[in-house]
Structures are given as C-alpha cells and as structure tokens.
PDB file of N, CA and C in Angstrom:
ATOM      1  N   MET A   1     -23.602  18.722  10.435  1.00  0.00           N
ATOM      2  CA  MET A   1     -23.853  17.307  10.696  1.00  0.00           C
ATOM      3  C   MET A   1     -24.526  17.143  12.059  1.00  0.00           C
ATOM      4  N   SER A   2     -25.426  16.223  12.128  1.00  0.00           N
ATOM      5  CA  SER A   2     -26.099  15.951  13.393  1.00  0.00           C
ATOM      6  C   SER A   2     -25.203  15.081  14.280  1.00  0.00           C
ATOM      7  N   ASP A   3     -25.579  14.989  15.539  1.00  0.00           N
ATOM      8  CA  ASP A   3     -24.824  14.136  16.468  1.00  0.00           C
ATOM      9  C   ASP A   3     -24.803  12.691  15.989  1.00  0.00           C
ATOM     10  N   GLN A   4     -25.937  12.239  15.460  1.00  0.00           N
ATOM     11  CA  GLN A   4     -26.018  10.857  14.977  1.00  0.00           C
ATOM     12  C   GLN A   4     -25.075  10.638  13.790  1.00  0.00           C
ATOM     13  N   ASP A   5     -24.998  11.613  12.878  1.00  0.00           N
ATOM     14  CA  ASP A   5     -24.082  11.521  11.733  1.00  0.00           C
ATOM     15  C   ASP A   5     -22.633  11.508  12.194  1.00  0.00           C
ATOM     16  N   LEU A   6     -22.318  12.363  13.163  1.00  0.00           N
ATOM     17  CA  LEU A   6     -20.952  12.414  13.688  1.00  0.00           C
ATOM     18  C   LEU A   6     -20.570  11.106  14.370  1.00  0.00           C
ATOM     19  N   LYS A   7     -21.495  10.552  15.136  1.00  0.00           N
ATOM     20  CA  LYS A   7     -21.225   9.271  15.807  1.00  0.00           C
ATOM     21  C   LYS A   7     -21.032   8.155  14.786  1.00  0.00           C
ATOM     22  N   ALA A   8     -21.837   8.144  13.728  1.00  0.00           N
ATOM     23  CA  ALA A   8     -21.707   7.125  12.688  1.00  0.00           C
ATOM     24  C   ALA A   8     -20.373   7.264  11.963  1.00  0.00           C
ATOM     25  N   GLU A   9     -19.978   8.492  11.664  1.00  0.00           N
ATOM     26  CA  GLU A   9     -18.688   8.728  10.996  1.00  0.00           C
ATOM     27  C   GLU A   9     -17.531   8.333  11.899  1.00  0.00           C
ATOM     28  N   LEU A  10     -17.625   8.668  13.176  1.00  0.00           N
ATOM     29  CA  LEU A  10     -16.586   8.287  14.131  1.00  0.00           C
ATOM     30  C   LEU A  10     -16.454   6.771  14.214  1.00  0.00           C
ATOM     31  N   GLU A  11     -17.565   6.070  14.258  1.00  0.00           N
ATOM     32  CA  GLU A  11     -17.541   4.608  14.310  1.00  0.00           C
ATOM     33  C   GLU A  11     -16.929   4.009  13.041  1.00  0.00           C
ATOM     34  N   ARG A  12     -17.281   4.597  11.885  1.00  0.00           N
ATOM     35  CA  ARG A  12     -16.717   4.137  10.611  1.00  0.00           C
ATOM     36  C   ARG A  12     -15.206   4.330  10.591  1.00  0.00           C
ATOM     37  N   LEU A  13     -14.751   5.485  11.058  1.00  0.00           N
ATOM     38  CA  LEU A  13     -13.313   5.766  11.083  1.00  0.00           C
ATOM     39  C   LEU A  13     -12.581   4.852  12.060  1.00  0.00           C
ATOM     40  N   ARG A  14     -13.195   4.579  13.185  1.00  0.00           N
ATOM     41  CA  ARG A  14     -12.580   3.651  14.150  1.00  0.00           C
ATOM     42  C   ARG A  14     -12.446   2.256  13.547  1.00  0.00           C
ATOM     43  N   ALA A  15     -13.490   1.802  12.858  1.00  0.00           N
ATOM     44  CA  ALA A  15     -13.450   0.483  12.220  1.00  0.00           C
ATOM     45  C   ALA A  15     -12.373   0.448  11.139  1.00  0.00           C
ATOM     46  N   GLU A  16     -12.286   1.519  10.355  1.00  0.00           N
ATOM     47  CA  GLU A  16     -11.251   1.581   9.319  1.00  0.00           C
ATOM     48  C   GLU A  16      -9.860   1.595   9.935  1.00  0.00           C
ATOM     49  N   ASN A  17      -9.687   2.333  11.024  1.00  0.00           N
ATOM     50  CA  ASN A  17      -8.406   2.389  11.715  1.00  0.00           C
ATOM     51  C   ASN A  17      -8.017   1.020  12.269  1.00  0.00           C
ATOM     52  N   ASP A  18      -8.971   0.330  12.879  1.00  0.00           N
ATOM     53  CA  ASP A  18      -8.709  -1.023  13.391  1.00  0.00           C
ATOM     54  C   ASP A  18      -8.311  -1.970  12.266  1.00  0.00           C
ATOM     55  N   ALA A  19      -9.000  -1.864  11.128  1.00  0.00           N
ATOM     56  CA  ALA A  19      -8.680  -2.721   9.983  1.00  0.00           C
ATOM     57  C   ALA A  19      -7.272  -2.440   9.482  1.00  0.00           C
ATOM     58  N   LEU A  20      -6.886  -1.174   9.430  1.00  0.00           N
ATOM     59  CA  LEU A  20      -5.529  -0.820   8.980  1.00  0.00           C
ATOM     60  C   LEU A  20      -4.474  -1.323   9.953  1.00  0.00           C
ATOM     61  N   LYS A  21      -4.753  -1.252  11.240  1.00  0.00           N
ATOM     62  CA  LYS A  21      -3.810  -1.762  12.241  1.00  0.00           C
ATOM     63  C   LYS A  21      -3.615  -3.267  12.081  1.00  0.00           C
ATOM     64  N   LYS A  22      -4.680  -3.987  11.809  1.00  0.00           N
ATOM     65  CA  LYS A  22      -4.602  -5.434  11.638  1.00  0.00           C
ATOM     66  C   LYS A  22      -3.821  -5.799  10.383  1.00  0.00           C
ATOM     67  N   THR A  23      -3.976  -5.031   9.304  1.00  0.00           N
ATOM     68  CA  THR A  23      -3.259  -5.348   8.072  1.00  0.00           C
ATOM     69  C   THR A  23      -1.767  -5.108   8.238  1.00  0.00           C
ATOM     70  N   ASN A  24      -1.370  -4.140   9.075  1.00  0.00           N
ATOM     71  CA  ASN A  24       0.049  -3.905   9.309  1.00  0.00           C
ATOM     72  C   ASN A  24       0.706  -5.116   9.945  1.00  0.00           C
ATOM     73  N   ALA A  25      -0.011  -5.799  10.817  1.00  0.00           N
ATOM     74  CA  ALA A  25       0.536  -6.986  11.457  1.00  0.00           C
ATOM     75  C   ALA A  25       0.688  -8.121  10.447  1.00  0.00           C
ATOM     76  N   ARG A  26      -0.166  -8.161   9.431  1.00  0.00           N
ATOM     77  CA  ARG A  26      -0.127  -9.234   8.433  1.00  0.00           C
ATOM     78  C   ARG A  26       0.844  -8.941   7.305  1.00  0.00           C
ATOM     79  N   GLY A  27       1.188  -7.686   7.100  1.00  0.00           N
ATOM     80  CA  GLY A  27       2.089  -7.353   6.002  1.00  0.00           C
ATOM     81  C   GLY A  27       1.454  -6.378   5.041  1.00  0.00           C
ATOM     82  N   LEU A  28       1.343  -6.776   3.794  1.00  0.00           N
ATOM     83  CA  LEU A  28       0.853  -5.886   2.755  1.00  0.00           C
ATOM     84  C   LEU A  28      -0.660  -5.909   2.647  1.00  0.00           C
ATOM     85  N   SER A  29      -1.211  -4.770   2.252  1.00  0.00           N
ATOM     86  CA  SER A  29      -2.639  -4.692   1.979  1.00  0.00           C
ATOM     87  C   SER A  29      -2.860  -3.736   0.810  1.00  0.00           C
ATOM     88  N   MET A  30      -4.047  -3.812   0.224  1.00  0.00           N
ATOM     89  CA  MET A  30      -4.376  -2.978  -0.926  1.00  0.00           C
ATOM     90  C   MET A  30      -5.696  -2.269  -0.695  1.00  0.00           C
ATOM     91  N   LYS A  31      -5.822  -1.108  -1.339  1.00  0.00           N
ATOM     92  CA  LYS A  31      -7.035  -0.318  -1.227  1.00  0.00           C
ATOM     93  C   LYS A  31      -7.156   0.543  -2.478  1.00  0.00           C
ATOM     94  N   ILE A  32      -8.385   0.808  -2.902  1.00  0.00           N
ATOM     95  CA  ILE A  32      -8.617   1.711  -4.018  1.00  0.00           C
ATOM     96  C   ILE A  32      -8.639   3.130  -3.454  1.00  0.00           C
ATOM     97  N   SER A  33      -7.834   4.016  -4.030  1.00  0.00           N
ATOM     98  CA  SER A  33      -7.769   5.395  -3.553  1.00  0.00           C
ATOM     99  C   SER A  33      -9.002   6.173  -3.987  1.00  0.00           C
ATOM    100  N   GLU A  34      -9.156   7.368  -3.439  1.00  0.00           N
ATOM    101  CA  GLU A  34     -10.285   8.230  -3.789  1.00  0.00           C
ATOM    102  C   GLU A  34     -10.300   8.562  -5.275  1.00  0.00           C
ATOM    103  N   LYS A  35      -9.132   8.636  -5.887  1.00  0.00           N
ATOM    104  CA  LYS A  35      -9.036   8.985  -7.306  1.00  0.00           C
ATOM    105  C   LYS A  35      -9.037   7.756  -8.215  1.00  0.00           C
ATOM    106  N   GLY A  36      -9.205   6.565  -7.647  1.00  0.00           N
ATOM    107  CA  GLY A  36      -9.314   5.359  -8.449  1.00  0.00           C
ATOM    108  C   GLY A  36      -8.017   4.625  -8.700  1.00  0.00           C
ATOM    109  N   GLY A  37      -6.969   4.971  -7.984  1.00  0.00           N
ATOM    110  CA  GLY A  37      -5.703   4.258  -8.106  1.00  0.00           C
ATOM    111  C   GLY A  37      -5.654   3.101  -7.122  1.00  0.00           C
ATOM    112  N   LEU A  38      -4.729   2.193  -7.348  1.00  0.00           N
ATOM    113  CA  LEU A  38      -4.521   1.065  -6.439  1.00  0.00           C
ATOM    114  C   LEU A  38      -3.369   1.414  -5.508  1.00  0.00           C
ATOM    115  N   SER A  39      -3.647   1.464  -4.211  1.00  0.00           N
ATOM    116  CA  SER A  39      -2.632   1.768  -3.208  1.00  0.00           C
ATOM    117  C   SER A  39      -2.217   0.492  -2.502  1.00  0.00           C
ATOM    118  N   VAL A  40      -0.919   0.266  -2.407  1.00  0.00           N
ATOM    119  CA  VAL A  40      -0.371  -0.878  -1.676  1.00  0.00           C
ATOM    120  C   VAL A  40       0.255  -0.332  -0.396  1.00  0.00           C
ATOM    121  N   TYR A  41      -0.216  -0.833   0.726  1.00  0.00           N
ATOM    122  CA  TYR A  41       0.264  -0.415   2.035  1.00  0.00           C
ATOM    123  C   TYR A  41       1.185  -1.479   2.616  1.00  0.00           C
ATOM    124  N   GLY A  42       2.157  -1.046   3.417  1.00  0.00           N
ATOM    125  CA  GLY A  42       3.012  -1.981   4.131  1.00  0.00           C
ATOM    126  C   GLY A  42       4.423  -2.083   3.591  1.00  0.00           C
ATOM    127  N   LEU A  43       4.720  -1.365   2.514  1.00  0.00           N
ATOM    128  CA  LEU A  43       6.076  -1.389   1.966  1.00  0.00           C
ATOM    129  C   LEU A  43       6.984  -0.385   2.667  1.00  0.00           C
ATOM    130  N   GLY A  44       6.403   0.667   3.159  1.00  0.00           N
ATOM    131  CA  GLY A  44       7.150   1.732   3.828  1.00  0.00           C
ATOM    132  C   GLY A  44       6.192   2.603   4.601  1.00  0.00           C
ATOM    133  N   ARG A  45       6.646   3.801   4.884  1.00  0.00           N
ATOM    134  CA  ARG A  45       5.827   4.716   5.675  1.00  0.00           C
ATOM    135  C   ARG A  45       4.567   5.151   4.931  1.00  0.00           C
ATOM    136  N   PHE A  46       4.680   5.333   3.626  1.00  0.00           N
ATOM    137  CA  PHE A  46       3.570   5.784   2.810  1.00  0.00           C
ATOM    138  C   PHE A  46       3.161   4.701   1.819  1.00  0.00           C
ATOM    139  N   PRO A  47       1.906   4.715   1.394  1.00  0.00           N
ATOM    140  CA  PRO A  47       1.481   3.723   0.401  1.00  0.00           C
ATOM    141  C   PRO A  47       2.074   4.022  -0.969  1.00  0.00           C
ATOM    142  N   VAL A  48       2.171   2.980  -1.789  1.00  0.00           N
ATOM    143  CA  VAL A  48       2.557   3.136  -3.189  1.00  0.00           C
ATOM    144  C   VAL A  48       1.258   3.103  -3.979  1.00  0.00           C
ATOM    145  N   THR A  49       0.949   4.205  -4.662  1.00  0.00           N
ATOM    146  CA  THR A  49      -0.310   4.317  -5.389  1.00  0.00           C
ATOM    147  C   THR A  49      -0.036   4.554  -6.864  1.00  0.00           C
ATOM    148  N   LEU A  50      -0.570   3.680  -7.699  1.00  0.00           N
ATOM    149  CA  LEU A  50      -0.469   3.795  -9.152  1.00  0.00           C
ATOM    150  C   LEU A  50      -1.830   3.500  -9.756  1.00  0.00           C
ATOM    151  N   TYR A  51      -2.051   4.008 -10.965  1.00  0.00           N
ATOM    152  CA  TYR A  51      -3.275   3.675 -11.689  1.00  0.00           C
ATOM    153  C   TYR A  51      -3.116   2.315 -12.355  1.00  0.00           C
ATOM    154  N   LYS A  52      -4.243   1.734 -12.755  1.00  0.00           N
ATOM    155  CA  LYS A  52      -4.281   0.372 -13.297  1.00  0.00           C
ATOM    156  C   LYS A  52      -3.237   0.152 -14.391  1.00  0.00           C
ATOM    157  N   GLU A  53      -3.181   1.060 -15.384  1.00  0.00           N
ATOM    158  CA  GLU A  53      -2.244   0.857 -16.501  1.00  0.00           C
ATOM    159  C   GLU A  53      -0.790   0.923 -16.034  1.00  0.00           C
ATOM    160  N   GLN A  54      -0.527   1.708 -14.984  1.00  0.00           N
ATOM    161  CA  GLN A  54       0.831   1.769 -14.440  1.00  0.00           C
ATOM    162  C   GLN A  54       1.198   0.462 -13.748  1.00  0.00           C
ATOM    163  N   TRP A  55       0.257  -0.123 -12.979  1.00  0.00           N
ATOM    164  CA  TRP A  55       0.516  -1.406 -12.338  1.00  0.00           C
ATOM    165  C   TRP A  55       0.737  -2.500 -13.375  1.00  0.00           C
ATOM    166  N   VAL A  56      -0.084  -2.513 -14.418  1.00  0.00           N
ATOM    167  CA  VAL A  56       0.049  -3.527 -15.472  1.00  0.00           C
ATOM    168  C   VAL A  56       1.422  -3.401 -16.139  1.00  0.00           C
ATOM    169  N   LYS A  57       1.837  -2.176 -16.425  1.00  0.00           N
ATOM    170  CA  LYS A  57       3.141  -1.945 -17.053  1.00  0.00           C
ATOM    171  C   LYS A  57       4.284  -2.389 -16.128  1.00  0.00           C
ATOM    172  N   LEU A  58       4.179  -2.031 -14.851  1.00  0.00           N
ATOM    173  CA  LEU A  58       5.206  -2.400 -13.875  1.00  0.00           C
ATOM    174  C   LEU A  58       5.271  -3.912 -13.682  1.00  0.00           C
ATOM    175  N   LEU A  59       4.112  -4.551 -13.545  1.00  0.00           N
ATOM    176  CA  LEU A  59       4.082  -6.006 -13.369  1.00  0.00           C
ATOM    177  C   LEU A  59       4.601  -6.726 -14.612  1.00  0.00           C
ATOM    178  N   GLY A  60       4.411  -6.127 -15.780  1.00  0.00           N
ATOM    179  CA  GLY A  60       4.951  -6.700 -17.008  1.00  0.00           C
ATOM    180  C   GLY A  60       6.469  -6.668 -17.050  1.00  0.00           C
ATOM    181  N   MET A  61       7.048  -5.798 -16.248  1.00  0.00           N
ATOM    182  CA  MET A  61       8.508  -5.679 -16.173  1.00  0.00           C
ATOM    183  C   MET A  61       9.101  -6.498 -15.024  1.00  0.00           C
ATOM    184  N   ALA A  62       8.309  -7.333 -14.368  1.00  0.00           N
ATOM    185  CA  ALA A  62       8.749  -8.046 -13.168  1.00  0.00           C
ATOM    186  C   ALA A  62      10.055  -8.807 -13.384  1.00  0.00           C
ATOM    187  N   GLU A  63      10.164  -9.536 -14.463  1.00  0.00           N
ATOM    188  CA  GLU A  63      11.393 -10.308 -14.723  1.00  0.00           C
ATOM    189  C   GLU A  63      12.582  -9.380 -14.970  1.00  0.00           C
ATOM    190  N   ASP A  64      12.354  -8.273 -15.676  1.00  0.00           N
ATOM    191  CA  ASP A  64      13.426  -7.294 -15.899  1.00  0.00           C
ATOM    192  C   ASP A  64      13.895  -6.693 -14.579  1.00  0.00           C
ATOM    193  N   ILE A  65      12.955  -6.397 -13.706  1.00  0.00           N
ATOM    194  CA  ILE A  65      13.305  -5.828 -12.396  1.00  0.00           C
ATOM    195  C   ILE A  65      14.098  -6.835 -11.574  1.00  0.00           C
ATOM    196  N   LYS A  66      13.662  -8.086 -11.562  1.00  0.00           N
ATOM    197  CA  LYS A  66      14.387  -9.130 -10.832  1.00  0.00           C
ATOM    198  C   LYS A  66      15.797  -9.310 -11.381  1.00  0.00           C
ATOM    199  N   SER A  67      15.941  -9.280 -12.689  1.00  0.00           N
ATOM    200  CA  SER A  67      17.266  -9.410 -13.311  1.00  0.00           C
ATOM    201  C   SER A  67      18.150  -8.218 -12.959  1.00  0.00           C
ATOM    202  N   PHE A  68      17.574  -7.037 -12.989  1.00  0.00           N
ATOM    203  CA  PHE A  68      18.324  -5.829 -12.649  1.00  0.00           C
ATOM    204  C   PHE A  68      18.810  -5.884 -11.205  1.00  0.00           C
ATOM    205  N   ILE A  69      17.922  -6.321 -10.294  1.00  0.00           N
ATOM    206  CA  ILE A  69      18.308  -6.449  -8.887  1.00  0.00           C
ATOM    207  C   ILE A  69      19.448  -7.449  -8.736  1.00  0.00           C
ATOM    208  N   ALA A  70      19.344  -8.587  -9.406  1.00  0.00           N
ATOM    209  CA  ALA A  70      20.394  -9.610  -9.325  1.00  0.00           C
ATOM    210  C   ALA A  70      21.717  -9.089  -9.877  1.00  0.00           C
ATOM    211  N   ALA A  71      21.659  -8.351 -10.977  1.00  0.00           N
ATOM    212  CA  ALA A  71      22.876  -7.832 -11.602  1.00  0.00           C
ATOM    213  C   ALA A  71      23.517  -6.717 -10.784  1.00  0.00           C
ATOM    214  N   ASN A  72      22.737  -6.048  -9.967  1.00  0.00           N
ATOM    215  CA  ASN A  72      23.239  -4.911  -9.198  1.00  0.00           C
ATOM    216  C   ASN A  72      23.187  -5.158  -7.692  1.00  0.00           C
ATOM    217  N   GLU A  73      23.212  -6.408  -7.320  1.00  0.00           N
ATOM    218  CA  GLU A  73      23.093  -6.810  -5.910  1.00  0.00           C
ATOM    219  C   GLU A  73      24.074  -6.081  -5.004  1.00  0.00           C
ATOM    220  N   SER A  74      25.313  -5.939  -5.434  1.00  0.00           N
ATOM    221  CA  SER A  74      26.338  -5.332  -4.580  1.00  0.00           C
ATOM    222  C   SER A  74      26.120  -3.837  -4.360  1.00  0.00           C
ATOM    223  N   ALA A  75      25.456  -3.171  -5.274  1.00  0.00           N
ATOM    224  CA  ALA A  75      25.237  -1.722  -5.148  1.00  0.00           C
ATOM    225  C   ALA A  75      23.932  -1.389  -4.420  1.00  0.00           C
ATOM    226  N   LEU A  76      23.041  -2.353  -4.301  1.00  0.00           N
ATOM    227  CA  LEU A  76      21.750  -2.107  -3.675  1.00  0.00           C
ATOM    228  C   LEU A  76      21.811  -2.341  -2.179  1.00  0.00           C
ATOM    229  N   LYS A  77      21.094  -1.515  -1.448  1.00  0.00           N
ATOM    230  CA  LYS A  77      21.033  -1.651   0.001  1.00  0.00           C
ATOM    231  C   LYS A  77      19.746  -2.370   0.399  1.00  0.00           C
ATOM    232  N   THR A  78      19.783  -3.019   1.559  1.00  0.00           N
ATOM    233  CA  THR A  78      18.617  -3.706   2.103  1.00  0.00           C
ATOM    234  C   THR A  78      18.151  -2.942   3.322  1.00  0.00           C
ATOM    235  N   LYS A  79      16.861  -2.624   3.360  1.00  0.00           N
ATOM    236  CA  LYS A  79      16.297  -1.929   4.494  1.00  0.00           C
ATOM    237  C   LYS A  79      15.838  -2.965   5.499  1.00  0.00           C
ATOM    238  N   GLU A  80      16.332  -2.852   6.696  1.00  0.00           N
ATOM    239  CA  GLU A  80      15.961  -3.794   7.753  1.00  0.00           C
ATOM    240  C   GLU A  80      14.606  -3.415   8.329  1.00  0.00           C
ATOM    241  N   PRO A  81      13.718  -4.383   8.495  1.00  0.00           N
ATOM    242  CA  PRO A  81      12.405  -4.060   9.109  1.00  0.00           C
ATOM    243  C   PRO A  81      12.582  -3.651  10.554  1.00  0.00           C
ATOM    244  N   LYS A  82      11.658  -2.806  11.013  1.00  0.00           N
ATOM    245  CA  LYS A  82      11.736  -2.315  12.416  1.00  0.00           C
ATOM    246  C   LYS A  82      11.217  -3.336  13.372  1.00  0.00           C
TER     247      LYS A  82
END
C-alpha cells in the first residue's frame, strides 16, 4: 500500500471509530456485518449478530419472550449498567 492509501485507510478507521463512540453514548446501534448479518451493538461487550431469517424468527417470538420474562421474573437477574 502506498502512503496515500495508508493515510486514507487510517482516516476511514478514525471516522468509523468516532462514529462507534458516538453510538455508545446514544445506546443501541446496528450495522451489517462482513458476512451479511445484522449486528446490534450496545447490549453488552460484544455485538449480537444474526442473519435476517434469524432476526425475523426472533422478532416473531417477541410476545412469547415478554411473557416468559414476566412468568420467570423472580428467577431472572438484572444487569446494572456501568
């Protein structure tokens, strides 16, 4: 790579890093992964990445998940934000 290519890549990475820092302050963000999955950032240390059909299936279960959480409230723990 030439110096100009390296400088352009460095600038791109800095801009991407700044954008990621800003999204952390706002909460959740989404990005398409290199393999074409949807990654959700801001839930924990690592992103949650699923393919389209997995997200559709999971979102279709939203009411079931909410009911399960309500039914098992006493056994579930809450993670306190830092």
